[in-house]
N, C-alpha and C. Protein backbone atom coordinates (compact mmCIF):
# COMPACT_ATOMS: atom_id res chain seq x y z
N UNK A 1 72.99 81.27 127.24
CA UNK A 1 73.74 80.89 125.99
C UNK A 1 72.81 79.77 125.39
N UNK A 2 72.75 79.78 123.89
CA UNK A 2 71.93 78.94 123.23
C UNK A 2 72.52 77.50 122.83
N UNK A 3 73.65 77.27 123.36
CA UNK A 3 74.21 75.97 123.05
C UNK A 3 74.98 75.88 121.80
N UNK A 4 75.15 77.06 121.06
CA UNK A 4 75.81 77.06 119.89
C UNK A 4 77.41 76.92 120.19
N UNK A 5 77.92 75.90 119.76
CA UNK A 5 79.26 75.66 120.00
C UNK A 5 80.27 76.44 119.06
N UNK A 6 81.25 77.06 119.54
CA UNK A 6 82.19 77.80 118.58
C UNK A 6 83.65 77.28 118.55
N UNK A 7 83.87 76.44 119.61
CA UNK A 7 85.27 75.79 119.79
C UNK A 7 85.10 74.25 119.93
N UNK A 8 86.03 73.63 119.23
CA UNK A 8 86.17 72.11 119.20
C UNK A 8 87.44 71.56 119.47
N UNK A 9 87.39 70.50 120.24
CA UNK A 9 88.77 69.92 120.56
C UNK A 9 89.09 68.93 119.39
N UNK A 10 90.41 68.66 119.23
CA UNK A 10 90.88 67.86 118.17
C UNK A 10 92.14 67.11 118.76
N UNK A 11 92.51 66.03 118.18
CA UNK A 11 93.71 65.24 118.49
C UNK A 11 94.44 65.00 117.19
N UNK A 12 95.62 65.53 116.85
CA UNK A 12 96.28 65.52 115.78
C UNK A 12 96.77 63.84 115.66
N UNK A 13 96.78 63.33 114.26
CA UNK A 13 97.15 61.89 114.23
C UNK A 13 98.74 61.73 114.60
N UNK A 14 99.38 62.70 114.19
CA UNK A 14 100.86 62.55 114.55
C UNK A 14 101.36 63.46 115.64
N UNK A 15 101.12 64.74 115.42
CA UNK A 15 101.43 65.70 116.40
C UNK A 15 102.46 66.82 115.87
N UNK A 16 102.51 67.86 116.58
CA UNK A 16 103.48 68.98 116.31
C UNK A 16 104.68 68.72 117.16
N UNK A 17 105.87 68.62 116.59
CA UNK A 17 107.15 68.38 117.16
C UNK A 17 107.84 69.76 117.28
N UNK A 18 107.88 70.26 118.60
CA UNK A 18 108.50 71.60 118.83
C UNK A 18 110.00 71.50 118.73
N UNK A 19 110.71 72.62 118.88
CA UNK A 19 112.19 72.74 118.75
C UNK A 19 112.82 71.99 119.94
N UNK A 20 112.04 71.77 121.01
CA UNK A 20 112.63 71.01 122.14
C UNK A 20 112.44 69.56 122.16
N UNK A 21 111.76 69.01 121.05
CA UNK A 21 111.43 67.66 120.96
C UNK A 21 110.17 67.19 121.59
N UNK A 22 109.40 68.08 122.06
CA UNK A 22 108.05 67.76 122.59
C UNK A 22 107.08 67.48 121.59
N UNK A 23 106.15 66.58 121.69
CA UNK A 23 105.18 66.40 120.74
C UNK A 23 103.78 66.91 121.25
N UNK A 24 103.15 67.69 120.47
CA UNK A 24 101.84 68.28 120.89
C UNK A 24 100.73 67.71 120.03
N UNK A 25 99.71 67.07 120.56
CA UNK A 25 98.67 66.50 119.78
C UNK A 25 97.32 67.14 120.10
N UNK A 26 97.05 67.35 121.30
CA UNK A 26 95.57 67.99 121.71
C UNK A 26 95.60 69.38 121.43
N UNK A 27 94.48 69.87 120.85
CA UNK A 27 94.26 71.25 120.58
C UNK A 27 92.84 71.65 120.55
N UNK A 28 92.60 72.92 120.13
CA UNK A 28 91.22 73.50 120.02
C UNK A 28 91.27 74.23 118.74
N UNK A 29 90.17 74.17 118.07
CA UNK A 29 89.90 74.89 116.85
C UNK A 29 88.55 75.71 116.98
N UNK A 30 88.53 76.94 116.70
CA UNK A 30 87.28 77.81 116.71
C UNK A 30 86.69 77.75 115.27
N UNK A 31 85.36 78.02 115.21
CA UNK A 31 84.72 78.25 114.00
C UNK A 31 85.37 79.50 113.41
N UNK A 32 85.43 79.61 112.16
CA UNK A 32 85.96 80.68 111.40
C UNK A 32 84.84 81.83 111.21
N UNK A 33 85.47 83.07 111.16
CA UNK A 33 84.58 84.22 110.94
C UNK A 33 84.81 84.63 109.42
N UNK A 34 84.00 85.44 108.93
CA UNK A 34 84.28 85.91 107.51
C UNK A 34 85.65 86.62 107.39
N UNK A 35 86.07 87.41 108.46
CA UNK A 35 87.44 87.96 108.46
C UNK A 35 88.61 86.94 108.32
N UNK A 36 88.29 85.79 108.98
CA UNK A 36 89.39 84.86 108.98
C UNK A 36 89.60 84.32 107.49
N UNK A 37 88.59 84.38 106.71
CA UNK A 37 88.79 83.95 105.28
C UNK A 37 89.19 85.06 104.38
N UNK A 38 88.99 86.33 104.76
CA UNK A 38 89.06 87.40 103.83
C UNK A 38 90.45 88.04 104.14
N UNK A 39 90.84 88.32 105.45
CA UNK A 39 92.07 88.98 105.76
C UNK A 39 93.32 88.28 105.17
N UNK A 40 93.49 87.02 105.18
CA UNK A 40 94.64 86.33 104.75
C UNK A 40 94.89 86.63 103.30
N UNK A 41 93.74 86.88 102.52
CA UNK A 41 94.01 87.17 101.07
C UNK A 41 94.95 88.35 100.77
N UNK A 42 94.97 89.21 101.84
CA UNK A 42 95.81 90.52 101.68
C UNK A 42 97.37 90.16 102.01
N UNK A 43 97.59 89.12 102.70
CA UNK A 43 98.83 88.78 103.01
C UNK A 43 99.77 88.54 101.75
N UNK A 44 100.92 89.13 101.75
CA UNK A 44 101.82 88.88 100.61
C UNK A 44 102.33 87.51 100.29
N UNK A 45 102.35 86.73 101.41
CA UNK A 45 102.77 85.29 101.29
C UNK A 45 101.59 84.52 100.40
N UNK A 46 100.40 84.88 100.75
CA UNK A 46 99.29 84.35 99.96
C UNK A 46 99.06 84.88 98.54
N UNK A 47 99.40 86.15 98.40
CA UNK A 47 99.44 86.68 97.05
C UNK A 47 100.40 86.00 96.16
N UNK A 48 101.65 85.81 96.78
CA UNK A 48 102.75 85.02 96.07
C UNK A 48 102.48 83.65 95.77
N UNK A 49 101.73 83.07 96.69
CA UNK A 49 101.52 81.52 96.64
C UNK A 49 100.19 81.24 97.32
N UNK A 50 99.15 81.06 96.51
CA UNK A 50 97.78 80.85 96.89
C UNK A 50 97.70 79.57 97.80
N UNK A 51 98.60 78.67 97.77
CA UNK A 51 98.67 77.52 98.69
C UNK A 51 98.87 77.87 100.08
N UNK A 52 99.52 78.96 100.29
CA UNK A 52 99.78 79.51 101.63
C UNK A 52 98.53 79.96 102.51
N UNK A 53 97.53 80.09 101.71
CA UNK A 53 96.24 80.50 102.36
C UNK A 53 95.74 79.66 103.54
N UNK A 54 95.94 78.35 103.39
CA UNK A 54 95.50 77.33 104.39
C UNK A 54 96.34 77.58 105.68
N UNK A 55 97.57 77.82 105.40
CA UNK A 55 98.58 78.01 106.63
C UNK A 55 98.22 79.28 107.45
N UNK A 56 97.86 80.44 106.87
CA UNK A 56 97.46 81.56 107.51
C UNK A 56 96.19 81.29 108.23
N UNK A 57 95.21 80.75 107.38
CA UNK A 57 93.74 80.61 108.02
C UNK A 57 93.88 79.59 109.29
N UNK A 58 94.61 78.49 109.17
CA UNK A 58 94.68 77.65 110.31
C UNK A 58 95.33 78.30 111.49
N UNK A 59 96.35 79.21 111.25
CA UNK A 59 96.98 79.92 112.30
C UNK A 59 95.96 80.81 112.96
N UNK A 60 95.11 81.30 112.37
CA UNK A 60 94.03 82.13 112.93
C UNK A 60 92.95 81.48 113.70
N UNK A 61 92.63 80.20 113.30
CA UNK A 61 91.48 79.55 113.99
C UNK A 61 91.93 78.33 114.94
N UNK A 62 93.13 77.82 114.87
CA UNK A 62 93.66 77.01 115.91
C UNK A 62 93.95 77.80 117.19
N UNK A 63 93.24 77.60 118.25
CA UNK A 63 93.36 78.44 119.47
C UNK A 63 94.34 77.91 120.36
N UNK A 64 94.65 76.48 120.35
CA UNK A 64 95.61 75.92 121.26
C UNK A 64 96.05 74.56 120.61
N UNK A 65 97.31 74.27 121.03
CA UNK A 65 97.97 73.00 120.56
C UNK A 65 98.87 72.77 121.70
N UNK A 66 98.40 71.72 122.42
CA UNK A 66 99.43 71.34 123.66
C UNK A 66 99.80 72.54 124.36
N UNK A 67 101.09 72.54 124.71
CA UNK A 67 101.69 73.55 125.52
C UNK A 67 102.28 74.74 124.61
N UNK A 68 102.00 74.74 123.33
CA UNK A 68 102.58 75.76 122.47
C UNK A 68 101.99 77.26 122.83
N UNK A 69 102.81 78.06 123.13
CA UNK A 69 102.39 79.39 123.75
C UNK A 69 101.51 80.09 122.76
N UNK A 70 101.89 80.23 121.37
CA UNK A 70 101.07 80.97 120.36
C UNK A 70 101.11 80.22 119.16
N UNK A 71 99.94 80.05 118.42
CA UNK A 71 99.86 79.44 117.24
C UNK A 71 100.08 80.42 116.02
N UNK A 72 101.21 80.17 115.47
CA UNK A 72 101.65 81.12 114.43
C UNK A 72 101.67 80.45 113.04
N UNK A 73 101.85 81.11 111.98
CA UNK A 73 102.00 80.46 110.77
C UNK A 73 103.20 79.43 110.68
N UNK A 74 104.28 79.79 111.50
CA UNK A 74 105.33 79.03 111.55
C UNK A 74 105.09 77.66 112.24
N UNK A 75 104.31 77.66 113.18
CA UNK A 75 103.85 76.54 113.84
C UNK A 75 103.04 75.65 112.86
N UNK A 76 102.13 76.25 112.19
CA UNK A 76 101.38 75.38 111.09
C UNK A 76 102.25 74.85 110.09
N UNK A 77 103.30 75.71 109.65
CA UNK A 77 104.23 75.32 108.68
C UNK A 77 105.00 74.03 109.23
N UNK A 78 105.17 73.92 110.43
CA UNK A 78 106.00 72.82 110.97
C UNK A 78 105.13 71.60 111.28
N UNK A 79 103.88 71.52 110.92
CA UNK A 79 103.11 70.36 111.03
C UNK A 79 103.52 69.22 109.95
N UNK A 80 103.39 67.97 110.35
CA UNK A 80 103.56 66.98 109.45
C UNK A 80 102.36 66.99 108.49
N UNK A 81 102.57 66.54 107.20
CA UNK A 81 101.52 66.64 106.19
C UNK A 81 100.23 65.97 106.73
N UNK A 82 100.33 64.83 107.33
CA UNK A 82 99.20 64.12 107.72
C UNK A 82 98.38 65.05 108.71
N UNK A 83 99.03 65.70 109.57
CA UNK A 83 98.36 66.68 110.61
C UNK A 83 97.69 67.87 109.81
N UNK A 84 98.46 68.48 108.87
CA UNK A 84 97.83 69.54 108.08
C UNK A 84 96.63 69.09 107.43
N UNK A 85 96.64 67.95 106.76
CA UNK A 85 95.37 67.37 106.03
C UNK A 85 94.35 67.09 107.06
N UNK A 86 94.59 66.63 108.23
CA UNK A 86 93.66 66.39 109.13
C UNK A 86 92.91 67.82 109.69
N UNK A 87 93.75 68.88 109.81
CA UNK A 87 93.21 70.15 110.31
C UNK A 87 92.45 70.73 109.24
N UNK A 88 92.88 70.48 108.02
CA UNK A 88 91.90 71.06 106.85
C UNK A 88 90.70 70.35 106.78
N UNK A 89 90.56 69.11 107.00
CA UNK A 89 89.37 68.34 107.09
C UNK A 89 88.50 68.72 108.33
N UNK A 90 89.19 68.99 109.33
CA UNK A 90 88.39 69.28 110.67
C UNK A 90 87.84 70.75 110.47
N UNK A 91 88.67 71.65 109.92
CA UNK A 91 88.18 72.99 109.58
C UNK A 91 86.80 72.90 108.87
N UNK A 92 86.80 72.07 107.73
CA UNK A 92 85.62 72.07 106.87
C UNK A 92 84.49 71.42 107.65
N UNK A 93 84.88 70.47 108.36
CA UNK A 93 83.71 69.81 109.17
C UNK A 93 83.00 70.79 110.18
N UNK A 94 83.82 71.55 111.02
CA UNK A 94 83.16 72.30 111.89
C UNK A 94 82.70 73.69 111.39
N UNK A 95 83.06 74.08 110.13
CA UNK A 95 82.48 75.36 109.52
C UNK A 95 81.42 75.07 108.57
N UNK A 96 81.04 73.78 108.23
CA UNK A 96 80.01 73.44 107.31
C UNK A 96 78.87 72.70 107.93
N UNK A 97 79.07 72.24 109.10
CA UNK A 97 78.06 71.49 109.82
C UNK A 97 77.33 72.30 110.85
N UNK A 98 76.02 72.16 111.16
CA UNK A 98 75.39 72.67 112.17
C UNK A 98 75.88 72.23 113.60
N UNK A 99 75.91 70.93 113.62
CA UNK A 99 76.31 70.29 114.97
C UNK A 99 77.51 69.33 114.51
N UNK A 100 78.72 69.82 114.38
CA UNK A 100 79.82 69.09 114.00
C UNK A 100 80.12 68.10 115.30
N UNK A 101 80.90 67.10 115.15
CA UNK A 101 81.26 66.23 116.25
C UNK A 101 82.19 66.92 117.06
N UNK A 102 82.31 66.64 118.29
CA UNK A 102 83.20 67.36 119.29
C UNK A 102 84.55 67.01 119.05
N UNK A 103 84.90 65.73 118.66
CA UNK A 103 86.24 65.40 118.49
C UNK A 103 86.34 64.26 117.39
N UNK A 104 87.17 64.60 116.40
CA UNK A 104 87.34 63.45 115.33
C UNK A 104 88.68 62.66 115.44
N UNK A 105 88.83 62.17 116.66
CA UNK A 105 90.16 61.49 116.89
C UNK A 105 89.99 60.06 116.13
N UNK A 106 91.20 59.63 115.75
CA UNK A 106 91.22 58.36 114.99
C UNK A 106 90.85 57.23 115.90
């Protein structure tokens, strides 16, 4: 392997609070593919509201979040605004930099 990193750890500022009251902060995000940015454009939720694109996009590239079994659009919808903003920024960092930092914790 050439050392090209495709997955990066992150720590949410607040954390995702699941239905059982557990807070999940540690996760992993992978670099996006062209399909990650194109396929969500066909989703009716995105066609009805362009702002929903980031929800679908993040649900595709966040590969883990604490003990959450599957990262779905509903999980991303359940994030606190501070965490959604953090993940949007982290997404931009790892997809526009050749060697992004491994963790952008506060």
